[in-house]
Amino acid sequence: MLHIVNKSPSERNAFDSCLRLATKGSAVLLIEDAVYAATKGTAAAAQLQAAMADLKVYVLAPDMEARGMAGRVLEGVNLVDYGGFVDLAAEHNTCQSWL
């Protein structure tokens, strides 16, 4: 399953809920303000790093760049462009958007 999160972890609990309910082997794609979770030095960074033991984590690169965070991406997080977003959605049987 592909889990898509678009809200900042400091704004809503969608990020926490996603990580709590995502099953081992799932993929998580952070878009829009959720990309802050994949930024070094944030409160969510440790939580995301722990989750990467069981989940594949992707971040939409244009959203990181738009927020000026491209140079602060956590190690192990995969950057994707819009084409990569489409590829992720196509390769997973189901997608869950966390609002």
PDB file of N, CA and C in Angstrom:
ATOM      1  N   MET A   1       0.844  -1.176   0.000  1.00  0.00           N
ATOM      2  CA  MET A   1       0.000   0.000   0.000  1.00  0.00           C
ATOM      3  C   MET A   1       0.889   1.240   0.000  1.00  0.00           C
ATOM      4  N   LEU A   2       0.438   2.257  -0.708  1.00  0.00           N
ATOM      5  CA  LEU A   2       1.090   3.553  -0.719  1.00  0.00           C
ATOM      6  C   LEU A   2       0.282   4.495   0.163  1.00  0.00           C
ATOM      7  N   HIS A   3       0.920   5.051   1.184  1.00  0.00           N
ATOM      8  CA  HIS A   3       0.299   6.027   2.073  1.00  0.00           C
ATOM      9  C   HIS A   3       0.794   7.406   1.655  1.00  0.00           C
ATOM     10  N   ILE A   4      -0.131   8.328   1.415  1.00  0.00           N
ATOM     11  CA  ILE A   4       0.214   9.674   0.975  1.00  0.00           C
ATOM     12  C   ILE A   4      -0.208  10.657   2.063  1.00  0.00           C
ATOM     13  N   VAL A   5       0.765  11.391   2.583  1.00  0.00           N
ATOM     14  CA  VAL A   5       0.497  12.358   3.655  1.00  0.00           C
ATOM     15  C   VAL A   5       0.809  13.750   3.123  1.00  0.00           C
ATOM     16  N   ASN A   6      -0.118  14.697   3.345  1.00  0.00           N
ATOM     17  CA  ASN A   6       0.111  16.045   2.835  1.00  0.00           C
ATOM     18  C   ASN A   6       0.096  17.136   3.901  1.00  0.00           C
ATOM     19  N   LYS A   7      -0.136  16.801   5.149  1.00  0.00           N
ATOM     20  CA  LYS A   7      -0.201  17.812   6.209  1.00  0.00           C
ATOM     21  C   LYS A   7       1.048  17.769   7.079  1.00  0.00           C
ATOM     22  N   SER A   8       1.482  18.910   7.524  1.00  0.00           N
ATOM     23  CA  SER A   8       2.631  19.013   8.410  1.00  0.00           C
ATOM     24  C   SER A   8       2.367  18.240   9.695  1.00  0.00           C
ATOM     25  N   PRO A   9       3.372  17.526  10.202  1.00  0.00           N
ATOM     26  CA  PRO A   9       3.176  16.798  11.457  1.00  0.00           C
ATOM     27  C   PRO A   9       2.910  17.721  12.639  1.00  0.00           C
ATOM     28  N   SER A  10       3.260  18.984  12.530  1.00  0.00           N
ATOM     29  CA  SER A  10       2.980  19.926  13.612  1.00  0.00           C
ATOM     30  C   SER A  10       1.584  20.544  13.496  1.00  0.00           C
ATOM     31  N   GLU A  11       0.930  20.305  12.351  1.00  0.00           N
ATOM     32  CA  GLU A  11      -0.391  20.886  12.113  1.00  0.00           C
ATOM     33  C   GLU A  11      -1.517  19.915  12.425  1.00  0.00           C
ATOM     34  N   ARG A  12      -1.344  18.661  12.027  1.00  0.00           N
ATOM     35  CA  ARG A  12      -2.380  17.634  12.199  1.00  0.00           C
ATOM     36  C   ARG A  12      -1.733  16.334  12.628  1.00  0.00           C
ATOM     37  N   ASN A  13      -2.548  15.358  13.003  1.00  0.00           N
ATOM     38  CA  ASN A  13      -2.020  14.069  13.434  1.00  0.00           C
ATOM     39  C   ASN A  13      -2.001  13.022  12.319  1.00  0.00           C
ATOM     40  N   ALA A  14      -2.195  13.433  11.073  1.00  0.00           N
ATOM     41  CA  ALA A  14      -2.222  12.496   9.947  1.00  0.00           C
ATOM     42  C   ALA A  14      -0.904  11.737   9.823  1.00  0.00           C
ATOM     43  N   PHE A  15       0.209  12.411  10.023  1.00  0.00           N
ATOM     44  CA  PHE A  15       1.525  11.779   9.938  1.00  0.00           C
ATOM     45  C   PHE A  15       1.665  10.694  11.001  1.00  0.00           C
ATOM     46  N   ASP A  16       1.318  11.016  12.240  1.00  0.00           N
ATOM     47  CA  ASP A  16       1.385  10.039  13.330  1.00  0.00           C
ATOM     48  C   ASP A  16       0.477   8.851  13.063  1.00  0.00           C
ATOM     49  N   SER A  17      -0.744   9.116  12.629  1.00  0.00           N
ATOM     50  CA  SER A  17      -1.692   8.042  12.344  1.00  0.00           C
ATOM     51  C   SER A  17      -1.190   7.141  11.231  1.00  0.00           C
ATOM     52  N   CYS A  18      -0.635   7.740  10.198  1.00  0.00           N
ATOM     53  CA  CYS A  18      -0.091   6.980   9.077  1.00  0.00           C
ATOM     54  C   CYS A  18       1.000   6.035   9.554  1.00  0.00           C
ATOM     55  N   LEU A  19       1.974   6.552  10.300  1.00  0.00           N
ATOM     56  CA  LEU A  19       3.079   5.712  10.749  1.00  0.00           C
ATOM     57  C   LEU A  19       2.611   4.626  11.708  1.00  0.00           C
ATOM     58  N   ARG A  20       1.612   4.919  12.502  1.00  0.00           N
ATOM     59  CA  ARG A  20       1.096   3.940  13.455  1.00  0.00           C
ATOM     60  C   ARG A  20       0.364   2.797  12.751  1.00  0.00           C
ATOM     61  N   LEU A  21      -0.325   3.092  11.659  1.00  0.00           N
ATOM     62  CA  LEU A  21      -1.173   2.099  11.006  1.00  0.00           C
ATOM     63  C   LEU A  21      -0.580   1.470   9.750  1.00  0.00           C
ATOM     64  N   ALA A  22       0.464   2.038   9.213  1.00  0.00           N
ATOM     65  CA  ALA A  22       1.090   1.472   8.011  1.00  0.00           C
ATOM     66  C   ALA A  22       1.743   0.141   8.358  1.00  0.00           C
ATOM     67  N   THR A  23       1.541  -0.833   7.500  1.00  0.00           N
ATOM     68  CA  THR A  23       2.098  -2.160   7.748  1.00  0.00           C
ATOM     69  C   THR A  23       3.486  -2.290   7.135  1.00  0.00           C
ATOM     70  N   LYS A  24       4.240  -3.210   7.687  1.00  0.00           N
ATOM     71  CA  LYS A  24       5.609  -3.443   7.228  1.00  0.00           C
ATOM     72  C   LYS A  24       5.609  -3.680   5.715  1.00  0.00           C
ATOM     73  N   GLY A  25       6.549  -3.044   5.038  1.00  0.00           N
ATOM     74  CA  GLY A  25       6.655  -3.183   3.592  1.00  0.00           C
ATOM     75  C   GLY A  25       5.874  -2.151   2.804  1.00  0.00           C
ATOM     76  N   SER A  26       5.066  -1.344   3.490  1.00  0.00           N
ATOM     77  CA  SER A  26       4.319  -0.290   2.816  1.00  0.00           C
ATOM     78  C   SER A  26       5.255   0.855   2.452  1.00  0.00           C
ATOM     79  N   ALA A  27       4.751   1.744   1.619  1.00  0.00           N
ATOM     80  CA  ALA A  27       5.497   2.936   1.230  1.00  0.00           C
ATOM     81  C   ALA A  27       4.735   4.165   1.709  1.00  0.00           C
ATOM     82  N   VAL A  28       5.493   5.186   2.103  1.00  0.00           N
ATOM     83  CA  VAL A  28       4.911   6.451   2.547  1.00  0.00           C
ATOM     84  C   VAL A  28       5.473   7.544   1.644  1.00  0.00           C
ATOM     85  N   LEU A  29       4.582   8.346   1.082  1.00  0.00           N
ATOM     86  CA  LEU A  29       4.979   9.478   0.256  1.00  0.00           C
ATOM     87  C   LEU A  29       4.552  10.752   0.957  1.00  0.00           C
ATOM     88  N   LEU A  30       5.511  11.603   1.257  1.00  0.00           N
ATOM     89  CA  LEU A  30       5.238  12.884   1.907  1.00  0.00           C
ATOM     90  C   LEU A  30       5.197  13.969   0.838  1.00  0.00           C
ATOM     91  N   ILE A  31       4.088  14.698   0.807  1.00  0.00           N
ATOM     92  CA  ILE A  31       3.913  15.770  -0.166  1.00  0.00           C
ATOM     93  C   ILE A  31       3.476  17.042   0.568  1.00  0.00           C
ATOM     94  N   GLU A  32       3.466  18.140  -0.135  1.00  0.00           N
ATOM     95  CA  GLU A  32       3.044  19.436   0.394  1.00  0.00           C
ATOM     96  C   GLU A  32       3.748  19.698   1.730  1.00  0.00           C
ATOM     97  N   ASP A  33       3.032  20.114   2.778  1.00  0.00           N
ATOM     98  CA  ASP A  33       3.668  20.452   4.048  1.00  0.00           C
ATOM     99  C   ASP A  33       4.140  19.236   4.843  1.00  0.00           C
ATOM    100  N   ALA A  34       3.748  18.050   4.459  1.00  0.00           N
ATOM    101  CA  ALA A  34       4.222  16.842   5.146  1.00  0.00           C
ATOM    102  C   ALA A  34       5.716  16.625   4.928  1.00  0.00           C
ATOM    103  N   VAL A  35       6.300  17.276   3.927  1.00  0.00           N
ATOM    104  CA  VAL A  35       7.731  17.111   3.677  1.00  0.00           C
ATOM    105  C   VAL A  35       8.571  17.595   4.858  1.00  0.00           C
ATOM    106  N   TYR A  36       8.019  18.445   5.696  1.00  0.00           N
ATOM    107  CA  TYR A  36       8.766  18.897   6.871  1.00  0.00           C
ATOM    108  C   TYR A  36       9.141  17.736   7.788  1.00  0.00           C
ATOM    109  N   ALA A  37       8.376  16.658   7.753  1.00  0.00           N
ATOM    110  CA  ALA A  37       8.677  15.483   8.584  1.00  0.00           C
ATOM    111  C   ALA A  37       9.984  14.827   8.173  1.00  0.00           C
ATOM    112  N   ALA A  38      10.400  15.007   6.933  1.00  0.00           N
ATOM    113  CA  ALA A  38      11.627  14.390   6.420  1.00  0.00           C
ATOM    114  C   ALA A  38      12.809  15.348   6.459  1.00  0.00           C
ATOM    115  N   THR A  39      12.698  16.378   7.276  1.00  0.00           N
ATOM    116  CA  THR A  39      13.735  17.406   7.372  1.00  0.00           C
ATOM    117  C   THR A  39      14.556  17.210   8.639  1.00  0.00           C
ATOM    118  N   LYS A  40      15.862  17.250   8.499  1.00  0.00           N
ATOM    119  CA  LYS A  40      16.761  17.125   9.652  1.00  0.00           C
ATOM    120  C   LYS A  40      16.438  18.185  10.696  1.00  0.00           C
ATOM    121  N   GLY A  41      16.498  17.780  11.951  1.00  0.00           N
ATOM    122  CA  GLY A  41      16.328  18.728  13.039  1.00  0.00           C
ATOM    123  C   GLY A  41      14.897  18.996  13.460  1.00  0.00           C
ATOM    124  N   THR A  42      13.940  18.263  12.922  1.00  0.00           N
ATOM    125  CA  THR A  42      12.550  18.471  13.323  1.00  0.00           C
ATOM    126  C   THR A  42      12.135  17.426  14.344  1.00  0.00           C
ATOM    127  N   ALA A  43      11.049  17.696  15.037  1.00  0.00           N
ATOM    128  CA  ALA A  43      10.539  16.763  16.042  1.00  0.00           C
ATOM    129  C   ALA A  43      10.119  15.439  15.413  1.00  0.00           C
ATOM    130  N   ALA A  44       9.658  15.472  14.181  1.00  0.00           N
ATOM    131  CA  ALA A  44       9.185  14.259  13.513  1.00  0.00           C
ATOM    132  C   ALA A  44      10.313  13.427  12.911  1.00  0.00           C
ATOM    133  N   ALA A  45      11.510  13.987  12.814  1.00  0.00           N
ATOM    134  CA  ALA A  45      12.618  13.306  12.148  1.00  0.00           C
ATOM    135  C   ALA A  45      12.962  11.968  12.798  1.00  0.00           C
ATOM    136  N   ALA A  46      13.057  11.923  14.111  1.00  0.00           N
ATOM    137  CA  ALA A  46      13.397  10.671  14.803  1.00  0.00           C
ATOM    138  C   ALA A  46      12.312   9.627  14.604  1.00  0.00           C
ATOM    139  N   GLN A  47      11.083  10.075  14.653  1.00  0.00           N
ATOM    140  CA  GLN A  47       9.943   9.171  14.441  1.00  0.00           C
ATOM    141  C   GLN A  47       9.986   8.581  13.028  1.00  0.00           C
ATOM    142  N   LEU A  48      10.293   9.404  12.047  1.00  0.00           N
ATOM    143  CA  LEU A  48      10.356   8.941  10.670  1.00  0.00           C
ATOM    144  C   LEU A  48      11.534   7.993  10.475  1.00  0.00           C
ATOM    145  N   GLN A  49      12.676   8.309  11.059  1.00  0.00           N
ATOM    146  CA  GLN A  49      13.840   7.435  10.931  1.00  0.00           C
ATOM    147  C   GLN A  49      13.564   6.061  11.528  1.00  0.00           C
ATOM    148  N   ALA A  50      12.870   6.006  12.643  1.00  0.00           N
ATOM    149  CA  ALA A  50      12.515   4.720  13.247  1.00  0.00           C
ATOM    150  C   ALA A  50      11.567   3.935  12.341  1.00  0.00           C
ATOM    151  N   ALA A  51      10.639   4.635  11.717  1.00  0.00           N
ATOM    152  CA  ALA A  51       9.670   3.980  10.832  1.00  0.00           C
ATOM    153  C   ALA A  51      10.319   3.430   9.567  1.00  0.00           C
ATOM    154  N   MET A  52      11.453   4.025   9.159  1.00  0.00           N
ATOM    155  CA  MET A  52      12.115   3.581   7.931  1.00  0.00           C
ATOM    156  C   MET A  52      12.691   2.173   8.044  1.00  0.00           C
ATOM    157  N   ALA A  53      12.719   1.607   9.233  1.00  0.00           N
ATOM    158  CA  ALA A  53      13.144   0.220   9.387  1.00  0.00           C
ATOM    159  C   ALA A  53      12.137  -0.722   8.737  1.00  0.00           C
ATOM    160  N   ASP A  54      10.863  -0.312   8.706  1.00  0.00           N
ATOM    161  CA  ASP A  54       9.792  -1.155   8.158  1.00  0.00           C
ATOM    162  C   ASP A  54       9.126  -0.583   6.921  1.00  0.00           C
ATOM    163  N   LEU A  55       9.314   0.702   6.662  1.00  0.00           N
ATOM    164  CA  LEU A  55       8.605   1.379   5.566  1.00  0.00           C
ATOM    165  C   LEU A  55       9.587   2.026   4.606  1.00  0.00           C
ATOM    166  N   LYS A  56       9.190   2.088   3.341  1.00  0.00           N
ATOM    167  CA  LYS A  56       9.950   2.863   2.359  1.00  0.00           C
ATOM    168  C   LYS A  56       9.372   4.272   2.379  1.00  0.00           C
ATOM    169  N   VAL A  57      10.239   5.264   2.485  1.00  0.00           N
ATOM    170  CA  VAL A  57       9.773   6.646   2.594  1.00  0.00           C
ATOM    171  C   VAL A  57      10.243   7.446   1.385  1.00  0.00           C
ATOM    172  N   TYR A  58       9.297   8.166   0.803  1.00  0.00           N
ATOM    173  CA  TYR A  58       9.546   9.006  -0.368  1.00  0.00           C
ATOM    174  C   TYR A  58       9.060  10.418  -0.064  1.00  0.00           C
ATOM    175  N   VAL A  59       9.707  11.386  -0.679  1.00  0.00           N
ATOM    176  CA  VAL A  59       9.316  12.784  -0.541  1.00  0.00           C
ATOM    177  C   VAL A  59       9.241  13.389  -1.933  1.00  0.00           C
ATOM    178  N   LEU A  60       8.226  14.184  -2.160  1.00  0.00           N
ATOM    179  CA  LEU A  60       8.092  14.868  -3.441  1.00  0.00           C
ATOM    180  C   LEU A  60       9.092  16.025  -3.474  1.00  0.00           C
ATOM    181  N   ALA A  61      10.119  15.866  -4.295  1.00  0.00           N
ATOM    182  CA  ALA A  61      11.236  16.817  -4.351  1.00  0.00           C
ATOM    183  C   ALA A  61      10.782  18.257  -4.652  1.00  0.00           C
ATOM    184  N   PRO A  62       9.861  18.485  -5.601  1.00  0.00           N
ATOM    185  CA  PRO A  62       9.451  19.873  -5.852  1.00  0.00           C
ATOM    186  C   PRO A  62       8.843  20.548  -4.620  1.00  0.00           C
ATOM    187  N   ASP A  63       8.181  19.777  -3.759  1.00  0.00           N
ATOM    188  CA  ASP A  63       7.614  20.363  -2.538  1.00  0.00           C
ATOM    189  C   ASP A  63       8.710  20.691  -1.529  1.00  0.00           C
ATOM    190  N   MET A  64       9.757  19.864  -1.456  1.00  0.00           N
ATOM    191  CA  MET A  64      10.899  20.165  -0.592  1.00  0.00           C
ATOM    192  C   MET A  64      11.583  21.441  -1.062  1.00  0.00           C
ATOM    193  N   GLU A  65      11.785  21.532  -2.369  1.00  0.00           N
ATOM    194  CA  GLU A  65      12.456  22.699  -2.945  1.00  0.00           C
ATOM    195  C   GLU A  65      11.626  23.963  -2.747  1.00  0.00           C
ATOM    196  N   ALA A  66      10.311  23.856  -2.908  1.00  0.00           N
ATOM    197  CA  ALA A  66       9.433  25.019  -2.754  1.00  0.00           C
ATOM    198  C   ALA A  66       9.473  25.575  -1.336  1.00  0.00           C
ATOM    199  N   ARG A  67       9.795  24.726  -0.369  1.00  0.00           N
ATOM    200  CA  ARG A  67       9.855  25.144   1.030  1.00  0.00           C
ATOM    201  C   ARG A  67      11.276  25.445   1.491  1.00  0.00           C
ATOM    202  N   GLY A  68      12.222  25.402   0.555  1.00  0.00           N
ATOM    203  CA  GLY A  68      13.606  25.713   0.879  1.00  0.00           C
ATOM    204  C   GLY A  68      14.288  24.669   1.735  1.00  0.00           C
ATOM    205  N   MET A  69      13.834  23.431   1.678  1.00  0.00           N
ATOM    206  CA  MET A  69      14.346  22.371   2.543  1.00  0.00           C
ATOM    207  C   MET A  69      15.124  21.295   1.789  1.00  0.00           C
ATOM    208  N   ALA A  70      15.406  21.500   0.534  1.00  0.00           N
ATOM    209  CA  ALA A  70      16.041  20.463  -0.290  1.00  0.00           C
ATOM    210  C   ALA A  70      17.378  19.999   0.274  1.00  0.00           C
ATOM    211  N   GLY A  71      18.116  20.858   0.926  1.00  0.00           N
ATOM    212  CA  GLY A  71      19.420  20.486   1.477  1.00  0.00           C
ATOM    213  C   GLY A  71      19.357  19.861   2.857  1.00  0.00           C
ATOM    214  N   ARG A  72      18.161  19.688   3.399  1.00  0.00           N
ATOM    215  CA  ARG A  72      18.019  19.180   4.767  1.00  0.00           C
ATOM    216  C   ARG A  72      17.266  17.852   4.840  1.00  0.00           C
ATOM    217  N   VAL A  73      17.259  17.090   3.750  1.00  0.00           N
ATOM    218  CA  VAL A  73      16.516  15.826   3.703  1.00  0.00           C
ATOM    219  C   VAL A  73      17.222  14.768   4.543  1.00  0.00           C
ATOM    220  N   LEU A  74      16.451  14.027   5.324  1.00  0.00           N
ATOM    221  CA  LEU A  74      17.003  12.945   6.140  1.00  0.00           C
ATOM    222  C   LEU A  74      17.641  11.873   5.270  1.00  0.00           C
ATOM    223  N   GLU A  75      18.715  11.298   5.755  1.00  0.00           N
ATOM    224  CA  GLU A  75      19.371  10.204   5.046  1.00  0.00           C
ATOM    225  C   GLU A  75      18.412   9.013   4.979  1.00  0.00           C
ATOM    226  N   GLY A  76      18.367   8.384   3.823  1.00  0.00           N
ATOM    227  CA  GLY A  76      17.502   7.223   3.626  1.00  0.00           C
ATOM    228  C   GLY A  76      16.151   7.533   3.020  1.00  0.00           C
ATOM    229  N   VAL A  77      15.814   8.823   2.944  1.00  0.00           N
ATOM    230  CA  VAL A  77      14.561   9.238   2.320  1.00  0.00           C
ATOM    231  C   VAL A  77      14.798   9.377   0.827  1.00  0.00           C
ATOM    232  N   ASN A  78      13.901   8.829   0.037  1.00  0.00           N
ATOM    233  CA  ASN A  78      14.016   8.855  -1.422  1.00  0.00           C
ATOM    234  C   ASN A  78      13.259  10.051  -1.990  1.00  0.00           C
ATOM    235  N   LEU A  79      13.928  10.865  -2.775  1.00  0.00           N
ATOM    236  CA  LEU A  79      13.286  12.000  -3.441  1.00  0.00           C
ATOM    237  C   LEU A  79      12.707  11.553  -4.769  1.00  0.00           C
ATOM    238  N   VAL A  80      11.479  11.971  -5.051  1.00  0.00           N
ATOM    239  CA  VAL A  80      10.843  11.655  -6.335  1.00  0.00           C
ATOM    240  C   VAL A  80      10.285  12.935  -6.939  1.00  0.00           C
ATOM    241  N   ASP A  81      10.192  12.941  -8.272  1.00  0.00           N
ATOM    242  CA  ASP A  81       9.557  14.051  -8.964  1.00  0.00           C
ATOM    243  C   ASP A  81       8.104  13.655  -9.229  1.00  0.00           C
ATOM    244  N   TYR A  82       7.391  14.459 -10.022  1.00  0.00           N
ATOM    245  CA  TYR A  82       5.984  14.149 -10.289  1.00  0.00           C
ATOM    246  C   TYR A  82       5.820  12.827 -11.030  1.00  0.00           C
ATOM    247  N   GLY A  83       6.739  12.528 -11.940  1.00  0.00           N
ATOM    248  CA  GLY A  83       6.711  11.247 -12.636  1.00  0.00           C
ATOM    249  C   GLY A  83       6.898  10.093 -11.663  1.00  0.00           C
ATOM    250  N   GLY A  84       7.779  10.288 -10.668  1.00  0.00           N
ATOM    251  CA  GLY A  84       7.987   9.274  -9.641  1.00  0.00           C
ATOM    252  C   GLY A  84       6.756   9.071  -8.779  1.00  0.00           C
ATOM    253  N   PHE A  85       6.028  10.149  -8.528  1.00  0.00           N
ATOM    254  CA  PHE A  85       4.761  10.072  -7.799  1.00  0.00           C
ATOM    255  C   PHE A  85       3.796   9.171  -8.559  1.00  0.00           C
ATOM    256  N   VAL A  86       3.679   9.390  -9.846  1.00  0.00           N
ATOM    257  CA  VAL A  86       2.795   8.577 -10.686  1.00  0.00           C
ATOM    258  C   VAL A  86       3.253   7.120 -10.679  1.00  0.00           C
ATOM    259  N   ASP A  87       4.555   6.898 -10.789  1.00  0.00           N
ATOM    260  CA  ASP A  87       5.092   5.532 -10.766  1.00  0.00           C
ATOM    261  C   ASP A  87       4.756   4.828  -9.459  1.00  0.00           C
ATOM    262  N   LEU A  88       4.888   5.529  -8.331  1.00  0.00           N
ATOM    263  CA  LEU A  88       4.561   4.937  -7.034  1.00  0.00           C
ATOM    264  C   LEU A  88       3.086   4.551  -6.958  1.00  0.00           C
ATOM    265  N   ALA A  89       2.227   5.441  -7.426  1.00  0.00           N
ATOM    266  CA  ALA A  89       0.796   5.154  -7.400  1.00  0.00           C
ATOM    267  C   ALA A  89       0.463   3.959  -8.293  1.00  0.00           C
ATOM    268  N   ALA A  90       1.148   3.849  -9.425  1.00  0.00           N
ATOM    269  CA  ALA A  90       0.884   2.751 -10.356  1.00  0.00           C
ATOM    270  C   ALA A  90       1.407   1.412  -9.854  1.00  0.00           C
ATOM    271  N   GLU A  91       2.506   1.416  -9.104  1.00  0.00           N
ATOM    272  CA  GLU A  91       3.090   0.145  -8.667  1.00  0.00           C
ATOM    273  C   GLU A  91       2.462  -0.419  -7.396  1.00  0.00           C
ATOM    274  N   HIS A  92       1.627   0.374  -6.718  1.00  0.00           N
ATOM    275  CA  HIS A  92       0.941  -0.114  -5.515  1.00  0.00           C
ATOM    276  C   HIS A  92      -0.527  -0.376  -5.830  1.00  0.00           C
ATOM    277  N   ASN A  93      -1.034  -1.498  -5.314  1.00  0.00           N
ATOM    278  CA  ASN A  93      -2.441  -1.869  -5.573  1.00  0.00           C
ATOM    279  C   ASN A  93      -3.424  -0.878  -4.980  1.00  0.00           C
ATOM    280  N   THR A  94      -3.071  -0.318  -3.835  1.00  0.00           N
ATOM    281  CA  THR A  94      -3.963   0.619  -3.163  1.00  0.00           C
ATOM    282  C   THR A  94      -3.178   1.820  -2.662  1.00  0.00           C
ATOM    283  N   CYS A  95      -3.889   2.938  -2.579  1.00  0.00           N
ATOM    284  CA  CYS A  95      -3.317   4.168  -2.049  1.00  0.00           C
ATOM    285  C   CYS A  95      -4.240   4.695  -0.951  1.00  0.00           C
ATOM    286  N   GLN A  96      -3.644   5.162   0.124  1.00  0.00           N
ATOM    287  CA  GLN A  96      -4.394   5.769   1.228  1.00  0.00           C
ATOM    288  C   GLN A  96      -3.904   7.188   1.405  1.00  0.00           C
ATOM    289  N   SER A  97      -4.794   8.148   1.239  1.00  0.00           N
ATOM    290  CA  SER A  97      -4.440   9.552   1.471  1.00  0.00           C
ATOM    291  C   SER A  97      -4.836   9.922   2.891  1.00  0.00           C
ATOM    292  N   TRP A  98      -3.873  10.489   3.614  1.00  0.00           N
ATOM    293  CA  TRP A  98      -4.097  10.897   4.998  1.00  0.00           C
ATOM    294  C   TRP A  98      -4.324  12.404   5.020  1.00  0.00           C
ATOM    295  N   LEU A  99      -5.505  12.806   5.428  1.00  0.00           N
ATOM    296  CA  LEU A  99      -5.882  14.226   5.433  1.00  0.00           C
ATOM    297  C   LEU A  99      -5.904  14.809   6.815  1.00  0.00           C
TER     298      LEU A  99
END
